[in-house]
């Protein structure tokens, strides 16, 4: 008895990946595919832990001054915004050989399970890590925290 299989004319197209090995294709040339040169700045990475009375949030924001970090609390929504400024300049003698500048804003917002008591909330920034202590509250209010 013969096995009967259904012919799917689009099966080969679904597996087709023209640039899957683009690095191998351009290996002998001085050209590189455009996609490997594009590097986006990383988003703010956040770790949230919950206890009975409060949330603790740790956000990785390296290379930012604490004056450039803004934290806003509205009910159970937390927003973190950081302004990033990077400048790099290489000189040989009096001549500038290479200069790079990057200015931009990174932000991250998330919603927690309970409203936050913004009056008792704390924010500390050291060694590139922003730590928020956010006590839970039944009735929320809006407030911007000052980073210490």
Protein backbone atom coordinates (compact mmCIF):
# COMPACT_ATOMS: atom_id res chain seq x y z
CA UNK A 1 0.00 0.00 0.00
CA UNK A 2 1.36 3.42 -0.99
CA UNK A 3 1.70 6.40 1.31
CA UNK A 4 -0.34 9.33 0.12
CA UNK A 5 0.94 12.81 0.92
CA UNK A 6 -0.65 16.10 0.10
CA UNK A 7 1.39 18.36 -2.20
CA UNK A 8 1.85 21.88 -0.88
CA UNK A 9 3.30 24.22 -3.53
CA UNK A 10 4.13 26.89 -0.92
CA UNK A 11 6.08 24.62 1.44
CA UNK A 12 9.43 25.46 -0.19
CA UNK A 13 8.66 29.19 -0.10
CA UNK A 14 7.90 29.03 3.62
CA UNK A 15 11.41 27.67 4.27
CA UNK A 16 13.13 30.12 1.90
CA UNK A 17 15.52 32.48 3.70
CA UNK A 18 17.53 34.47 1.18
CA UNK A 19 19.75 36.29 3.71
CA UNK A 20 20.08 33.55 6.33
CA UNK A 21 23.81 33.25 5.60
CA UNK A 22 24.44 36.82 4.50
CA UNK A 23 27.64 37.02 6.57
CA UNK A 24 29.07 34.06 4.61
CA UNK A 25 28.04 35.65 1.31
CA UNK A 26 29.88 38.92 2.05
CA UNK A 27 32.86 37.25 3.75
CA UNK A 28 35.29 37.68 0.84
CA UNK A 29 34.28 41.28 0.17
CA UNK A 30 34.86 44.43 2.15
CA UNK A 31 31.11 44.87 2.35
CA UNK A 32 28.98 43.81 5.24
CA UNK A 33 25.22 43.43 5.26
CA UNK A 34 23.49 46.59 6.51
CA UNK A 35 21.57 44.76 9.23
CA UNK A 36 24.67 43.84 11.26
CA UNK A 37 25.87 47.47 11.50
CA UNK A 38 22.66 48.76 13.10
CA UNK A 39 22.87 48.70 16.87
CA UNK A 40 20.01 50.16 18.84
CA UNK A 41 20.52 51.46 22.33
CA UNK A 42 19.21 48.93 24.85
CA UNK A 43 15.98 49.58 26.65
CA UNK A 44 15.86 49.96 30.40
CA UNK A 45 15.96 46.48 31.90
CA UNK A 46 13.68 46.10 34.92
CA UNK A 47 13.41 43.53 37.71
CA UNK A 48 10.26 43.71 39.87
CA UNK A 49 9.76 41.80 43.11
CA UNK A 50 6.68 41.86 45.32
CA UNK A 51 6.31 41.49 49.08
CA UNK A 52 3.15 41.74 51.17
CA UNK A 53 3.46 45.48 51.77
CA UNK A 54 5.57 46.80 48.89
CA UNK A 55 7.14 46.33 45.47
CA UNK A 56 10.87 46.60 44.86
CA UNK A 57 11.96 47.62 41.37
CA UNK A 58 15.55 47.49 40.14
CA UNK A 59 16.23 49.15 36.79
CA UNK A 60 19.56 49.00 34.95
CA UNK A 61 20.36 52.47 33.62
CA UNK A 62 24.16 52.62 33.26
CA UNK A 63 26.00 55.78 32.25
CA UNK A 64 23.23 58.20 33.24
CA UNK A 65 23.41 60.95 35.84
CA UNK A 66 20.78 60.78 38.58
CA UNK A 67 19.61 64.28 37.63
CA UNK A 68 18.63 62.91 34.20
CA UNK A 69 16.35 60.18 35.62
CA UNK A 70 12.64 60.87 36.15
CA UNK A 71 10.24 58.48 37.88
CA UNK A 72 6.49 59.09 37.83
CA UNK A 73 3.82 57.12 39.69
CA UNK A 74 0.15 57.29 38.78
CA UNK A 75 -2.01 54.81 40.67
CA UNK A 76 -0.49 51.43 39.82
CA UNK A 77 1.47 52.64 36.77
CA UNK A 78 5.19 53.39 37.08
CA UNK A 79 7.11 55.30 34.41
CA UNK A 80 10.89 55.60 34.30
CA UNK A 81 12.54 58.01 31.88
CA UNK A 82 16.27 58.61 31.45
CA UNK A 83 18.04 61.06 29.21
CA UNK A 84 21.20 59.52 27.78
CA UNK A 85 24.14 61.69 26.73
CA UNK A 86 27.29 60.05 25.38
CA UNK A 87 30.22 61.84 23.81
CA UNK A 88 33.48 60.30 22.67
CA UNK A 89 36.37 62.08 21.00
CA UNK A 90 39.79 60.78 19.95
CA UNK A 91 42.63 63.19 19.22
CA UNK A 92 46.12 62.92 17.84
CA UNK A 93 47.88 66.03 18.95
CA UNK A 94 45.58 68.95 18.16
CA UNK A 95 43.64 67.13 15.43
CA UNK A 96 40.37 65.32 16.10
CA UNK A 97 40.62 61.84 14.58
CA UNK A 98 37.24 60.45 15.60
CA UNK A 99 34.21 61.97 17.31
CA UNK A 100 30.87 60.39 18.28
CA UNK A 101 27.83 61.82 20.04
CA UNK A 102 24.61 60.18 21.10
CA UNK A 103 21.71 62.00 22.72
CA UNK A 104 18.39 60.39 23.37
CA UNK A 105 15.75 59.37 25.86
CA UNK A 106 14.93 55.93 27.08
CA UNK A 107 11.70 55.19 28.87
CA UNK A 108 9.91 52.26 30.38
CA UNK A 109 6.39 52.08 31.80
CA UNK A 110 4.69 49.17 33.49
CA UNK A 111 1.62 48.45 35.55
CA UNK A 112 1.71 46.79 38.97
CA UNK A 113 -1.05 44.73 40.58
CA UNK A 114 -1.84 47.24 43.35
CA UNK A 115 -1.92 51.02 43.62
CA UNK A 116 1.24 52.63 45.00
CA UNK A 117 1.49 54.98 47.98
CA UNK A 118 3.48 57.67 46.19
CA UNK A 119 4.01 59.72 49.38
CA UNK A 120 6.05 56.89 50.98
CA UNK A 121 7.85 55.77 47.80
CA UNK A 122 11.64 56.03 47.58
CA UNK A 123 14.11 56.10 44.68
CA UNK A 124 17.88 55.59 44.94
CA UNK A 125 20.45 55.46 42.13
CA UNK A 126 23.96 54.08 42.48
CA UNK A 127 26.39 52.20 40.24
CA UNK A 128 24.03 52.32 37.25
CA UNK A 129 21.10 50.72 39.10
CA UNK A 130 17.94 52.59 40.04
CA UNK A 131 16.17 51.02 43.02
CA UNK A 132 12.57 51.92 43.78
CA UNK A 133 10.74 50.97 46.97
CA UNK A 134 7.03 51.27 46.24
CA UNK A 135 4.64 50.63 49.19
CA UNK A 136 1.17 49.37 48.28
CA UNK A 137 -1.90 51.54 48.88
CA UNK A 138 -5.63 51.08 48.30
CA UNK A 139 -6.21 54.61 46.92
CA UNK A 140 -3.50 55.89 44.55
CA UNK A 141 -2.38 59.40 43.71
CA UNK A 142 0.02 60.90 41.16
CA UNK A 143 3.50 62.09 42.15
CA UNK A 144 6.97 62.43 40.61
CA UNK A 145 9.82 61.05 42.73
CA UNK A 146 13.12 62.83 43.27
CA UNK A 147 16.05 60.46 42.75
CA UNK A 148 18.63 60.54 45.57
